[in-house]
Amino acid sequence: MNLINALRLNKQNKNLVISIVGAGGKTTALFQLARQIQSQVKGRKSQVVVTTTTHLAPWQIKFADYHIVPKNIDDLKNMPADGIILITGDGNDKKVNAPNSETLIWLRAYCQEKNIPLLIEADGSRQRPIKSPAEHEPPIPEFSDFVIYVLGLSCIGKQLNNENVHRPEIFSQLTKLELNQNITPESIIKTLTHPQGGLKNIPSHSKRIVLLNQADTPELKSIGGDMAKKLLNHFDSVVVGSLQQDDFQTFEKTAGVILAAGDATRFGSPKQLLDWKGKPFVRHIAETALHADLQPVLVITGNHHAEIESCLQDLPVEVIHNPQYKNGQSESIKLGIKNLPDNIGANIFLLADQPQIPVEVIQALKEKHTQTLSPIIAPLILEERRANPVLFDKVTFDDLLQLTGDVGGRAIFDKHKVDYLPWHDDILIFDVDTKEDYARLKGLDV
């Protein structure tokens, strides 16, 4: 994925205020994103306004199509109709200053009116891959919709000193890593999640994103992915990759909704509570979801709510009763989606009559999603049969909320692009509908 797609800054997000802070590629990210935003608009002129709340180096000006140093607001009223327009204060051969606060407020209003983005470089790092903020930093505008914290993974394994870190003494204070010791992924996570580090001055309403840049090798990509999983408790998403290669993965929380509200009228008893290998079906599925690091895990129940809740009470899952369960599976799907937190990137639906689903297929669905952010990802068995479980990106949630009757998520397959995950094991297409199916499941070597 390129940068704009990895950040989910699609065509619907037109007039956002995006502040970029940190180190290790801030300016590159700023102008690369500006170019990609502009390229989305085809067939008509388009503007992207860029500014700063700190200092820029004179060489950074060349990345813009136009550079305006306004003496007053009137100088901004006839800006070029297209291109990347950089607005700054005055400067010299060493630095370019930020515009004054009046200009910044005017630019925000202008971009809101014109329905165009405002991109702000809100930090300085002296071209180091990583930094820690001084007392007065970073100057992030309160009206920022997105704050992107950039960090260069090339610092891993290098010494904590002035050559590799901007303000290494503060980094040491925040992480307890001694000066001249090697920088580790763990120390980076500590500074990113510290209130006086990566979280400093981010407005409470802003979406928080970490961009782990300079992941130019498979090893650094793997390290970045492991770091992302720990950072998601503090940030809405973590983007890992290389600005130079313009290739990224996006890590977000993926939820799991277990659909366990069925009446099992054909089977004759609640399938959710059938025993398999010493545990009820629904407990097997909940444990699989947790082992796959789905979070949160919601269990939607119907007629047998108390029994299901009882067999899950020691697990970190949320059990939700669906009073409308007789109206069909769509009611459970909608209830699950409505109860997901706002920072969820995708959801995987799990069925209560498939306790044999392996954790590996859930992890594979998540991995494919980090690489593509596809709206829907489903396993494909032997290149011809769709199987469960299915991952739904958050862009599909509004359509899932419109479902009615006894239908599942497949009812919206015609509304979104569906990507398939080739899978070798046809165990994914087996479910328990009859006593004979149950006997077969108990005899399976899984």
Protein backbone atom coordinates (compact mmCIF):
# COMPACT_ATOMS: atom_id res chain seq x y z
CA MET A 1 0.00 0.00 0.00
CA ASN A 2 1.12 3.54 -0.61
CA LEU A 3 1.14 6.14 2.15
CA ILE A 4 -2.25 7.73 1.60
CA ASN A 5 -4.07 4.38 1.62
CA ALA A 6 -2.12 3.10 4.61
CA LEU A 7 -3.21 6.19 6.56
CA ARG A 8 -6.83 5.76 5.37
CA LEU A 9 -6.84 9.31 4.02
CA ASN A 10 -9.25 8.56 1.21
CA LYS A 11 -11.37 10.82 -0.94
CA GLN A 12 -14.02 11.24 1.76
CA ASN A 13 -11.50 12.82 4.17
CA LYS A 14 -11.05 16.06 2.26
CA ASN A 15 -10.77 18.92 4.72
CA LEU A 16 -8.83 17.35 7.55
CA VAL A 17 -6.12 19.13 9.51
CA ILE A 18 -3.15 16.74 9.65
CA SER A 19 -0.20 17.54 11.93
CA ILE A 20 3.03 15.58 11.52
CA VAL A 21 5.54 15.35 14.38
CA GLY A 22 8.53 13.27 15.43
CA ALA A 23 11.61 12.50 13.33
CA GLY A 24 12.99 10.14 10.73
CA GLY A 25 11.14 11.38 7.65
CA LYS A 26 8.62 14.03 8.72
CA THR A 27 9.21 16.37 5.78
CA THR A 28 9.27 13.51 3.28
CA ALA A 29 6.01 12.18 4.72
CA LEU A 30 4.45 15.65 4.64
CA PHE A 31 5.10 16.33 0.98
CA GLN A 32 4.67 12.73 -0.17
CA LEU A 33 1.25 12.73 1.42
CA ALA A 34 0.46 16.12 -0.11
CA ARG A 35 1.32 14.81 -3.60
CA GLN A 36 -0.79 11.71 -3.15
CA ILE A 37 -3.76 13.71 -1.88
CA GLN A 38 -3.50 15.96 -4.91
CA SER A 39 -3.25 13.02 -7.31
CA GLN A 40 -6.61 11.69 -6.08
CA VAL A 41 -8.38 14.59 -7.77
CA LYS A 42 -8.62 13.92 -11.48
CA GLY A 43 -9.96 16.20 -14.15
CA ARG A 44 -9.96 19.41 -12.15
CA LYS A 45 -7.61 21.76 -10.37
CA SER A 46 -6.84 21.01 -6.75
CA GLN A 47 -4.99 22.62 -3.88
CA VAL A 48 -3.18 21.18 -0.91
CA VAL A 49 -2.09 23.74 1.67
CA VAL A 50 1.04 23.04 3.74
CA THR A 51 2.39 25.07 6.64
CA THR A 52 4.38 24.74 9.85
CA THR A 53 4.19 25.68 13.51
CA THR A 54 7.95 25.39 13.90
CA HIS A 55 11.01 26.12 11.75
CA LEU A 56 11.74 24.67 8.33
CA ALA A 57 15.10 24.41 6.64
CA PRO A 58 15.38 26.46 3.42
CA TRP A 59 15.98 23.30 1.37
CA GLN A 60 12.51 22.03 2.29
CA ILE A 61 10.82 24.79 0.32
CA LYS A 62 11.68 23.13 -3.00
CA PHE A 63 9.15 20.33 -2.35
CA ALA A 64 6.24 22.77 -2.76
CA ASP A 65 4.88 24.13 -6.03
CA TYR A 66 4.41 27.58 -4.51
CA HIS A 67 5.88 29.31 -1.47
CA ILE A 68 4.03 32.28 -0.01
CA VAL A 69 5.30 34.50 2.82
CA PRO A 70 2.28 36.68 3.59
CA LYS A 71 2.70 40.10 5.13
CA ASN A 72 -0.98 40.10 6.01
CA ILE A 73 -4.10 38.03 5.36
CA ASP A 74 -4.86 39.89 2.13
CA ASP A 75 -1.76 38.31 0.59
CA LEU A 76 -3.44 34.90 0.91
CA LYS A 77 -6.77 35.70 -0.71
CA ASN A 78 -5.58 35.00 -4.25
CA MET A 79 -3.64 31.78 -3.78
CA PRO A 80 -2.97 29.58 -6.84
CA ALA A 81 -5.94 27.39 -7.73
CA ASP A 82 -3.92 24.20 -7.83
CA GLY A 83 -0.67 22.72 -6.59
CA ILE A 84 1.00 22.28 -3.23
CA ILE A 85 1.10 25.69 -1.57
CA LEU A 86 3.55 26.22 1.29
CA ILE A 87 2.74 29.08 3.66
CA THR A 88 5.46 30.23 6.07
CA GLY A 89 6.74 33.25 7.91
CA ASP A 90 9.91 35.04 6.92
CA GLY A 91 13.36 33.46 7.12
CA ASN A 92 17.01 33.55 6.23
CA ASP A 93 19.61 31.20 4.77
CA LYS A 94 19.51 29.02 7.91
CA LYS A 95 15.82 28.65 8.73
CA VAL A 96 12.31 29.56 7.66
CA ASN A 97 9.94 30.64 10.41
CA ALA A 98 6.35 29.59 11.03
CA PRO A 99 3.52 31.95 10.08
CA ASN A 100 1.85 33.80 12.95
CA SER A 101 -1.17 32.39 14.77
CA GLU A 102 -3.59 34.69 12.91
CA THR A 103 -2.41 33.25 9.60
CA LEU A 104 -2.71 29.69 10.87
CA ILE A 105 -6.29 30.24 12.02
CA TRP A 106 -7.15 31.84 8.68
CA LEU A 107 -5.64 28.90 6.78
CA ARG A 108 -7.73 26.46 8.76
CA ALA A 109 -10.92 28.38 7.96
CA TYR A 110 -9.91 28.69 4.30
CA CYS A 111 -9.29 24.97 3.95
CA GLN A 112 -12.57 24.15 5.67
CA GLU A 113 -14.45 26.43 3.27
CA LYS A 114 -12.67 25.08 0.18
CA ASN A 115 -12.98 21.47 1.43
CA ILE A 116 -9.26 20.81 1.08
CA PRO A 117 -6.69 19.40 3.54
CA LEU A 118 -4.31 21.42 5.66
CA LEU A 119 -0.99 19.67 6.37
CA ILE A 120 1.20 20.99 9.18
CA GLU A 121 4.77 20.13 10.12
CA ALA A 122 4.60 20.59 13.87
CA ASP A 123 8.03 19.47 15.04
CA GLY A 124 11.75 19.72 14.28
CA SER A 125 14.38 16.98 14.57
CA ARG A 126 17.59 18.08 12.83
CA GLN A 127 17.32 15.12 10.44
CA ARG A 128 17.78 12.50 13.14
CA PRO A 129 15.78 9.24 12.95
CA ILE A 130 14.31 9.77 16.42
CA LYS A 131 13.82 12.57 18.94
CA SER A 132 12.39 13.38 22.33
CA PRO A 133 10.51 16.64 22.76
CA ALA A 134 11.78 19.57 24.79
CA GLU A 135 9.48 21.36 27.21
CA HIS A 136 8.05 23.66 24.51
CA GLU A 137 7.53 20.87 21.93
CA PRO A 138 5.74 19.79 19.85
CA PRO A 139 3.55 22.79 18.89
CA ILE A 140 0.53 20.81 17.68
CA PRO A 141 -2.55 22.96 16.87
CA GLU A 142 -5.53 22.11 19.04
CA PHE A 143 -7.73 21.82 15.94
CA SER A 144 -5.70 18.93 14.43
CA ASP A 145 -7.90 16.04 13.28
CA PHE A 146 -4.96 13.67 12.77
CA VAL A 147 -1.57 13.62 14.46
CA ILE A 148 1.02 11.43 12.77
CA TYR A 149 4.13 10.66 14.81
CA VAL A 150 7.02 9.68 12.49
CA LEU A 151 10.00 7.66 13.69
CA GLY A 152 12.90 6.11 11.76
CA LEU A 153 13.62 2.47 12.58
CA SER A 154 17.18 2.89 11.33
CA CYS A 155 18.02 3.98 14.90
CA ILE A 156 17.55 0.45 16.26
CA GLY A 157 20.87 -1.01 17.43
CA LYS A 158 22.63 2.35 17.28
CA GLN A 159 23.98 4.21 20.29
CA LEU A 160 21.90 6.69 22.23
CA ASN A 161 23.84 9.84 21.45
CA ASN A 162 23.54 13.17 19.63
CA GLU A 163 24.43 11.61 16.31
CA ASN A 164 21.41 9.30 16.28
CA VAL A 165 18.89 11.00 18.57
CA HIS A 166 17.70 14.58 18.80
CA ARG A 167 17.85 15.38 22.54
CA PRO A 168 19.26 12.02 23.74
CA GLU A 169 19.29 13.16 27.37
CA ILE A 170 15.49 13.49 27.38
CA PHE A 171 15.15 10.13 25.60
CA SER A 172 17.26 8.61 28.39
CA GLN A 173 15.09 10.20 31.08
CA LEU A 174 11.89 8.90 29.50
CA THR A 175 13.10 5.36 28.84
CA LYS A 176 15.75 4.78 31.55
CA LEU A 177 18.15 3.76 28.77
CA GLU A 178 21.63 5.00 29.59
CA LEU A 179 23.46 7.31 27.19
CA ASN A 180 25.64 5.44 24.67
CA GLN A 181 23.72 2.22 25.14
CA ASN A 182 22.16 0.67 22.05
CA ILE A 183 18.63 1.76 21.18
CA THR A 184 16.16 -1.13 21.39
CA PRO A 185 12.59 -1.59 20.15
CA GLU A 186 11.51 -1.70 23.80
CA SER A 187 13.05 1.71 24.51
CA ILE A 188 11.35 3.16 21.43
CA ILE A 189 7.99 1.84 22.62
CA LYS A 190 8.60 3.43 26.02
CA THR A 191 9.26 6.86 24.54
CA LEU A 192 6.38 6.64 22.07
CA THR A 193 3.88 5.76 24.81
CA HIS A 194 5.19 8.19 27.41
CA PRO A 195 2.96 11.22 28.19
CA GLN A 196 6.05 13.42 27.77
CA GLY A 197 7.21 11.54 24.68
CA GLY A 198 5.18 10.41 21.69
CA LEU A 199 1.85 11.27 23.30
CA LYS A 200 2.85 14.78 24.31
CA ASN A 201 0.52 17.64 23.30
CA ILE A 202 -1.73 15.49 21.11
CA PRO A 203 -5.27 16.93 21.39
CA SER A 204 -7.68 14.53 23.04
CA HIS A 205 -10.01 14.44 20.03
CA SER A 206 -7.27 13.82 17.44
CA LYS A 207 -6.74 10.45 15.78
CA ARG A 208 -3.29 9.20 16.80
CA ILE A 209 -1.11 7.42 14.25
CA VAL A 210 2.48 6.20 14.49
CA LEU A 211 4.43 5.97 11.24
CA LEU A 212 7.41 3.63 11.71
CA ASN A 213 9.50 4.66 8.71
CA GLN A 214 12.79 3.27 7.36
CA ALA A 215 11.58 -0.33 7.58
CA ASP A 216 13.57 -1.02 4.41
CA THR A 217 14.42 -4.66 5.15
CA PRO A 218 12.32 -7.73 6.02
CA GLU A 219 13.93 -7.77 9.46
CA LEU A 220 12.94 -4.17 10.24
CA LYS A 221 9.45 -4.77 8.89
CA SER A 222 9.10 -7.71 11.26
CA ILE A 223 10.42 -5.67 14.19
CA GLY A 224 8.02 -2.84 13.31
CA GLY A 225 5.08 -5.24 13.18
CA ASP A 226 5.91 -6.62 16.62
CA MET A 227 6.19 -3.08 17.97
CA ALA A 228 2.85 -2.13 16.41
CA LYS A 229 0.95 -4.72 18.43
CA LYS A 230 2.19 -3.14 21.66
CA LEU A 231 1.60 0.42 20.49
CA LEU A 232 -2.07 -0.14 19.63
CA ASN A 233 -3.09 0.29 23.27
CA HIS A 234 -2.02 3.94 22.94
CA PHE A 235 -2.52 4.79 19.25
CA ASP A 236 -5.38 4.29 16.81
CA SER A 237 -3.14 2.76 14.17
CA VAL A 238 0.50 2.02 13.43
CA VAL A 239 1.83 2.23 9.88
CA VAL A 240 5.05 0.31 9.18
CA GLY A 241 7.11 0.61 6.04
CA SER A 242 9.35 2.79 3.93
CA LEU A 243 8.72 6.28 2.58
CA GLN A 244 11.51 5.68 0.09
CA GLN A 245 9.77 2.57 -1.27
CA ASP A 246 6.26 3.97 -0.62
CA ASP A 247 5.21 0.58 0.69
CA PHE A 248 3.41 0.15 4.02
CA GLN A 249 1.38 -2.10 6.27
CA THR A 250 -1.32 -0.74 8.56
CA PHE A 251 -1.83 -2.29 11.99
CA GLU A 252 -5.12 -1.63 13.78
CA LYS A 253 -7.14 -3.47 16.39
CA THR A 254 -9.23 -6.27 14.93
CA ALA A 255 -12.29 -7.30 16.90
CA GLY A 256 -13.99 -10.70 17.07
CA VAL A 257 -17.76 -11.11 17.22
CA ILE A 258 -18.96 -14.63 18.00
CA LEU A 259 -22.48 -15.24 16.71
CA ALA A 260 -23.97 -17.51 19.38
CA ALA A 261 -27.64 -16.54 19.40
CA GLY A 262 -29.05 -19.38 17.29
CA ASP A 263 -31.96 -21.51 18.56
CA ALA A 264 -30.60 -24.73 16.99
CA THR A 265 -34.17 -25.89 16.32
CA ARG A 266 -33.04 -28.42 13.71
CA PHE A 267 -30.38 -29.87 15.99
CA GLY A 268 -32.66 -30.09 19.02
CA SER A 269 -30.34 -28.62 21.65
CA PRO A 270 -28.11 -25.53 21.93
CA LYS A 271 -25.06 -26.20 19.75
CA GLN A 272 -23.15 -23.40 21.49
CA LEU A 273 -23.00 -25.61 24.61
CA LEU A 274 -22.14 -28.93 22.98
CA ASP A 275 -19.03 -30.57 24.40
CA TRP A 276 -15.92 -30.92 22.27
CA LYS A 277 -12.65 -32.05 23.81
CA GLY A 278 -13.96 -31.28 27.29
CA LYS A 279 -15.20 -27.74 26.62
CA PRO A 280 -18.37 -26.17 25.22
CA PHE A 281 -18.24 -25.10 21.57
CA VAL A 282 -18.56 -21.42 22.43
CA ARG A 283 -15.64 -21.56 24.87
CA HIS A 284 -13.39 -23.15 22.24
CA ILE A 285 -14.23 -20.35 19.84
CA ALA A 286 -13.73 -17.61 22.44
CA GLU A 287 -10.33 -19.01 23.41
CA THR A 288 -9.31 -19.20 19.75
CA ALA A 289 -10.31 -15.56 19.24
CA LEU A 290 -8.29 -14.50 22.27
CA HIS A 291 -5.24 -16.54 21.21
CA ALA A 292 -5.42 -14.79 17.82
CA ASP A 293 -5.29 -11.46 19.69
CA LEU A 294 -8.70 -10.28 18.56
CA GLN A 295 -9.74 -7.40 20.77
CA PRO A 296 -12.32 -6.95 21.97
CA VAL A 297 -14.09 -10.29 21.73
CA LEU A 298 -17.89 -10.01 21.88
CA VAL A 299 -20.23 -12.98 22.22
CA ILE A 300 -23.78 -12.33 21.02
CA THR A 301 -26.30 -14.66 22.67
CA GLY A 302 -30.00 -15.39 22.39
CA ASN A 303 -32.17 -17.93 24.16
CA HIS A 304 -29.40 -19.55 26.23
CA HIS A 305 -27.72 -16.39 27.46
CA ALA A 306 -27.22 -17.42 31.09
CA GLU A 307 -25.65 -20.79 30.27
CA ILE A 308 -23.29 -19.30 27.69
CA GLU A 309 -22.31 -16.47 30.00
CA SER A 310 -21.61 -18.96 32.78
CA CYS A 311 -19.15 -21.00 30.71
CA LEU A 312 -17.27 -17.86 29.64
CA GLN A 313 -17.24 -15.93 32.92
CA ASP A 314 -13.50 -16.32 33.56
CA LEU A 315 -12.49 -15.17 30.05
CA PRO A 316 -11.86 -11.51 29.06
CA VAL A 317 -14.83 -11.41 26.67
CA GLU A 318 -18.05 -9.41 26.69
CA VAL A 319 -21.28 -11.39 26.50
CA ILE A 320 -24.20 -9.43 25.05
CA HIS A 321 -27.79 -10.66 24.95
CA ASN A 322 -29.70 -10.09 21.73
CA PRO A 323 -33.41 -9.78 22.55
CA GLN A 324 -34.22 -9.75 18.82
CA TYR A 325 -32.43 -13.02 18.03
CA LYS A 326 -35.57 -14.66 16.61
CA ASN A 327 -35.55 -12.05 13.81
CA GLY A 328 -32.49 -13.67 12.26
CA GLN A 329 -28.70 -13.53 12.22
CA SER A 330 -28.66 -9.94 10.96
CA GLU A 331 -29.81 -8.71 14.37
CA SER A 332 -26.79 -10.30 16.06
CA ILE A 333 -24.45 -8.87 13.43
CA LYS A 334 -25.84 -5.38 13.95
CA LEU A 335 -25.68 -5.66 17.73
CA GLY A 336 -22.06 -6.74 17.53
CA ILE A 337 -21.06 -3.88 15.24
CA LYS A 338 -22.89 -1.32 17.39
CA ASN A 339 -20.92 -2.40 20.46
CA LEU A 340 -17.44 -2.16 18.90
CA PRO A 341 -15.13 0.68 20.03
CA ASP A 342 -14.45 3.52 17.60
CA ASN A 343 -10.78 2.59 17.13
CA ILE A 344 -11.47 -0.82 15.58
CA GLY A 345 -10.06 -1.28 12.09
CA ALA A 346 -11.86 -4.51 11.24
CA ASN A 347 -13.99 -7.30 12.68
CA ILE A 348 -13.97 -11.06 12.19
CA PHE A 349 -17.28 -12.90 12.62
CA LEU A 350 -17.01 -16.37 14.16
CA LEU A 351 -19.81 -18.94 14.14
CA ALA A 352 -20.82 -20.86 17.26
CA ASP A 353 -21.04 -24.22 15.43
CA GLN A 354 -17.42 -24.16 14.22
CA PRO A 355 -15.22 -24.80 17.27
CA GLN A 356 -12.57 -26.38 15.04
CA ILE A 357 -11.55 -23.11 13.34
CA PRO A 358 -7.76 -22.82 13.84
CA VAL A 359 -6.11 -19.74 15.25
CA GLU A 360 -3.78 -19.71 12.22
CA VAL A 361 -6.52 -18.77 9.75
CA ILE A 362 -7.60 -15.82 11.92
CA GLN A 363 -4.00 -14.63 12.13
CA ALA A 364 -3.64 -15.01 8.35
CA LEU A 365 -6.77 -12.91 7.74
CA LYS A 366 -5.39 -10.20 10.02
CA GLU A 367 -2.01 -10.27 8.30
CA LYS A 368 -3.55 -9.94 4.84
CA HIS A 369 -5.62 -7.02 6.10
CA THR A 370 -2.53 -5.16 7.32
CA GLN A 371 -1.13 -5.41 3.80
CA THR A 372 -4.25 -4.39 1.87
CA LEU A 373 -6.97 -2.88 4.12
CA SER A 374 -9.36 -4.77 1.83
CA PRO A 375 -13.05 -4.23 2.67
CA ILE A 376 -13.75 -7.98 2.93
CA ILE A 377 -11.35 -10.92 3.19
CA ALA A 378 -12.62 -14.49 3.12
CA PRO A 379 -10.83 -17.87 3.04
CA LEU A 380 -11.04 -19.75 -0.25
CA ILE A 381 -10.80 -23.54 -0.16
CA LEU A 382 -9.37 -25.40 -3.17
CA GLU A 383 -9.73 -22.23 -5.27
CA GLU A 384 -13.51 -22.59 -5.45
CA ARG A 385 -15.34 -22.63 -2.11
CA ARG A 386 -15.71 -19.63 0.16
CA ALA A 387 -15.37 -20.41 3.83
CA ASN A 388 -15.56 -18.92 7.32
CA PRO A 389 -14.48 -16.92 9.23
CA VAL A 390 -14.70 -13.68 7.24
CA LEU A 391 -13.01 -10.36 8.01
CA PHE A 392 -14.93 -7.11 7.44
CA ASP A 393 -13.06 -3.79 7.36
CA LYS A 394 -14.71 -0.86 9.13
CA VAL A 395 -15.69 0.67 5.77
CA THR A 396 -18.32 -2.07 5.55
CA PHE A 397 -19.87 -1.46 8.98
CA ASP A 398 -22.54 0.97 7.77
CA ASP A 399 -23.77 -1.60 5.25
CA LEU A 400 -23.74 -4.37 7.85
CA LEU A 401 -25.96 -2.17 10.02
CA GLN A 402 -28.56 -2.11 7.22
CA LEU A 403 -29.01 -5.89 7.12
CA THR A 404 -32.43 -7.35 7.92
CA GLY A 405 -33.77 -10.85 8.37
CA ASP A 406 -31.93 -14.13 8.57
CA VAL A 407 -28.91 -13.13 6.47
CA GLY A 408 -25.23 -12.85 7.26
CA GLY A 409 -22.37 -10.69 6.07
CA ARG A 410 -22.32 -12.38 2.66
CA ALA A 411 -25.36 -10.26 1.81
CA ILE A 412 -23.05 -7.28 1.26
CA PHE A 413 -20.40 -9.09 -0.82
CA ASP A 414 -21.77 -7.41 -3.95
CA LYS A 415 -21.27 -3.94 -2.45
CA HIS A 416 -17.55 -4.20 -1.65
CA LYS A 417 -14.40 -5.63 -3.13
CA VAL A 418 -13.80 -9.11 -1.74
CA ASP A 419 -10.25 -10.46 -1.47
CA TYR A 420 -9.69 -14.14 -0.92
CA LEU A 421 -7.18 -15.92 1.28
CA PRO A 422 -6.19 -19.27 -0.28
CA TRP A 423 -6.43 -21.98 2.38
CA HIS A 424 -5.47 -25.61 2.16
CA ASP A 425 -7.69 -27.13 4.86
CA ASP A 426 -11.37 -27.83 4.13
CA ILE A 427 -12.05 -27.98 7.88
CA LEU A 428 -13.16 -24.35 7.47
CA ILE A 429 -16.26 -25.36 5.52
CA PHE A 430 -17.42 -27.92 8.09
CA ASP A 431 -20.16 -26.95 10.53
CA VAL A 432 -22.46 -28.85 12.85
CA ASP A 433 -26.05 -28.93 11.63
CA THR A 434 -27.04 -32.51 12.54
CA LYS A 435 -26.24 -35.21 15.07
CA GLU A 436 -24.25 -36.94 12.34
CA ASP A 437 -22.16 -33.78 11.84
CA TYR A 438 -21.47 -33.68 15.57
CA ALA A 439 -20.33 -37.30 15.54
CA ARG A 440 -18.03 -36.55 12.59
CA LEU A 441 -16.56 -33.53 14.39
CA LYS A 442 -15.76 -35.59 17.45
CA GLY A 443 -13.93 -38.03 15.21
CA LEU A 444 -11.84 -35.41 13.42
CA ASP A 445 -8.15 -35.22 14.24
CA VAL A 446 -7.93 -31.44 14.74
